[in-house]
Amino acid sequence: MPQNAAVEERLAAERAATLTQIDALTRDFQSIVDANALVAVDDEHDPDGSSTAFERAHVSSLLNQARLHLEHLDEALVRLREGRYGICERCGVEIPAERLEIRPASTRCVGCAGAEPR
């Protein structure tokens, strides 16, 4: 298993980047809402209404994904501190370092992750 201090530093850096992303997406979402508040937008009849609704939904989806990623990173930090980081929660084998480098919040090895229905 990788060195705990290095892993914690990597998770903290990823967490900081995710918080920055959440902040930017929150500002983007608020800008969309504020811009639409100034204009009487009728999504059904306004030619720009559907694209505005799509943009708002898209930013909202990205924001939700970023928040979920932040939760997964926080859970990974807990697992690290409890000595469970890097161990597949399904089969109990060590998750390869290469996978953890790409997906530091991974809870499953490649084989078990691939067996999950999408």
Protein backbone atom coordinates (compact mmCIF):
# COMPACT_ATOMS: atom_id res chain seq x y z
CA MET A 1 0.00 0.00 0.00
CA PRO A 2 1.25 3.51 -0.80
CA GLN A 3 2.75 5.75 1.89
CA ASN A 4 -0.05 7.29 3.98
CA ALA A 5 1.44 10.81 4.01
CA ALA A 6 1.80 10.88 0.23
CA VAL A 7 -1.72 9.51 -0.25
CA GLU A 8 -3.17 12.01 2.20
CA GLU A 9 -1.38 14.83 0.37
CA ARG A 10 -2.75 13.58 -2.98
CA LEU A 11 -6.29 13.32 -1.60
CA ALA A 12 -6.01 16.79 -0.04
CA ALA A 13 -4.83 18.27 -3.35
CA GLU A 14 -7.67 16.58 -5.23
CA ARG A 15 -10.09 17.82 -2.57
CA ALA A 16 -8.83 21.40 -2.91
CA ALA A 17 -9.18 21.23 -6.70
CA THR A 18 -12.71 19.86 -6.34
CA LEU A 19 -13.65 22.66 -3.92
CA THR A 20 -12.34 25.18 -6.45
CA GLN A 21 -14.42 23.51 -9.15
CA ILE A 22 -17.53 23.56 -6.94
CA ASP A 23 -17.00 27.26 -6.24
CA ALA A 24 -16.65 28.07 -9.96
CA LEU A 25 -19.69 25.99 -10.92
CA THR A 26 -21.74 27.57 -8.15
CA ARG A 27 -20.84 31.02 -9.49
CA ASP A 28 -21.71 29.90 -13.05
CA PHE A 29 -25.05 28.51 -11.93
CA GLN A 30 -25.86 31.68 -10.00
CA SER A 31 -24.93 33.80 -13.03
CA ILE A 32 -27.37 31.83 -15.17
CA VAL A 33 -30.12 32.22 -12.58
CA ASP A 34 -29.40 35.93 -12.14
CA ALA A 35 -29.35 36.57 -15.90
CA ASN A 36 -32.69 34.84 -16.31
CA ALA A 37 -34.21 36.78 -13.43
CA LEU A 38 -33.66 40.00 -15.37
CA VAL A 39 -35.51 38.72 -18.44
CA ALA A 40 -38.98 37.30 -18.65
CA VAL A 41 -38.01 33.92 -20.08
CA ASP A 42 -40.68 31.58 -21.32
CA ASP A 43 -38.79 28.34 -22.01
CA GLU A 44 -41.61 27.01 -24.14
CA HIS A 45 -41.97 29.96 -26.54
CA ASP A 46 -38.66 31.80 -26.34
CA PRO A 47 -36.13 30.47 -28.89
CA ASP A 48 -33.33 30.95 -26.35
CA GLY A 49 -35.33 29.49 -23.48
CA SER A 50 -34.53 25.87 -24.18
CA SER A 51 -30.80 26.55 -24.51
CA THR A 52 -30.88 28.50 -21.23
CA ALA A 53 -32.69 25.63 -19.53
CA PHE A 54 -30.16 23.18 -20.97
CA GLU A 55 -27.24 25.31 -19.78
CA ARG A 56 -28.72 25.56 -16.28
CA ALA A 57 -29.34 21.79 -16.16
CA HIS A 58 -25.85 21.06 -17.47
CA VAL A 59 -24.11 23.24 -14.89
CA SER A 60 -26.35 21.79 -12.17
CA SER A 61 -25.37 18.26 -13.20
CA LEU A 62 -21.66 19.13 -13.17
CA LEU A 63 -22.08 20.72 -9.75
CA ASN A 64 -23.80 17.60 -8.39
CA GLN A 65 -21.01 15.40 -9.80
CA ALA A 66 -18.35 17.59 -8.19
CA ARG A 67 -20.13 17.47 -4.82
CA LEU A 68 -20.39 13.67 -5.04
CA HIS A 69 -16.68 13.47 -5.89
CA LEU A 70 -15.92 15.61 -2.82
CA GLU A 71 -17.91 13.17 -0.66
CA HIS A 72 -15.96 10.25 -2.13
CA LEU A 73 -12.67 12.00 -1.40
CA ASP A 74 -13.73 12.66 2.20
CA GLU A 75 -14.68 8.98 2.55
CA ALA A 76 -11.28 8.01 1.11
CA LEU A 77 -9.55 10.14 3.76
CA VAL A 78 -11.54 8.34 6.47
CA ARG A 79 -10.57 4.95 4.99
CA LEU A 80 -6.92 6.06 4.90
CA ARG A 81 -6.97 7.06 8.56
CA GLU A 82 -8.69 3.80 9.51
CA GLY A 83 -6.20 1.69 7.53
CA ARG A 84 -8.76 0.56 4.96
CA TYR A 85 -7.59 2.73 2.04
CA GLY A 86 -6.53 0.82 -1.06
CA ILE A 87 -8.38 -2.37 -0.13
CA CYS A 88 -11.26 -3.46 -2.36
CA GLU A 89 -14.48 -3.25 -0.37
CA ARG A 90 -15.95 -6.14 -2.35
CA CYS A 91 -13.23 -8.80 -2.58
CA GLY A 92 -10.66 -7.55 -0.04
CA VAL A 93 -7.63 -7.51 -2.36
CA GLU A 94 -5.27 -4.57 -2.60
CA ILE A 95 -6.28 -2.04 -5.25
CA PRO A 96 -3.34 -1.47 -7.63
CA ALA A 97 -1.46 1.78 -7.08
CA GLU A 98 -1.97 2.68 -10.75
CA ARG A 99 -5.75 2.64 -10.28
CA LEU A 100 -5.50 4.73 -7.11
CA GLU A 101 -3.28 7.21 -8.94
CA ILE A 102 -5.99 7.73 -11.57
CA ARG A 103 -8.99 7.36 -9.24
CA PRO A 104 -7.78 8.13 -5.71
CA ALA A 105 -11.22 7.65 -4.15
CA SER A 106 -11.65 4.14 -5.61
CA THR A 107 -13.24 1.62 -3.31
CA ARG A 108 -13.01 -1.36 -5.65
CA CYS A 109 -10.35 -3.08 -7.68
CA VAL A 110 -10.66 -3.07 -11.48
CA GLY A 111 -12.22 -6.54 -11.58
CA CYS A 112 -14.92 -5.74 -9.04
CA ALA A 113 -15.57 -2.29 -10.49
CA GLY A 114 -15.99 -3.85 -13.94
CA ALA A 115 -18.49 -6.34 -12.56
CA GLU A 116 -20.82 -3.56 -11.36
CA PRO A 117 -23.83 -2.79 -13.53
CA ARG A 118 -23.81 0.78 -14.83
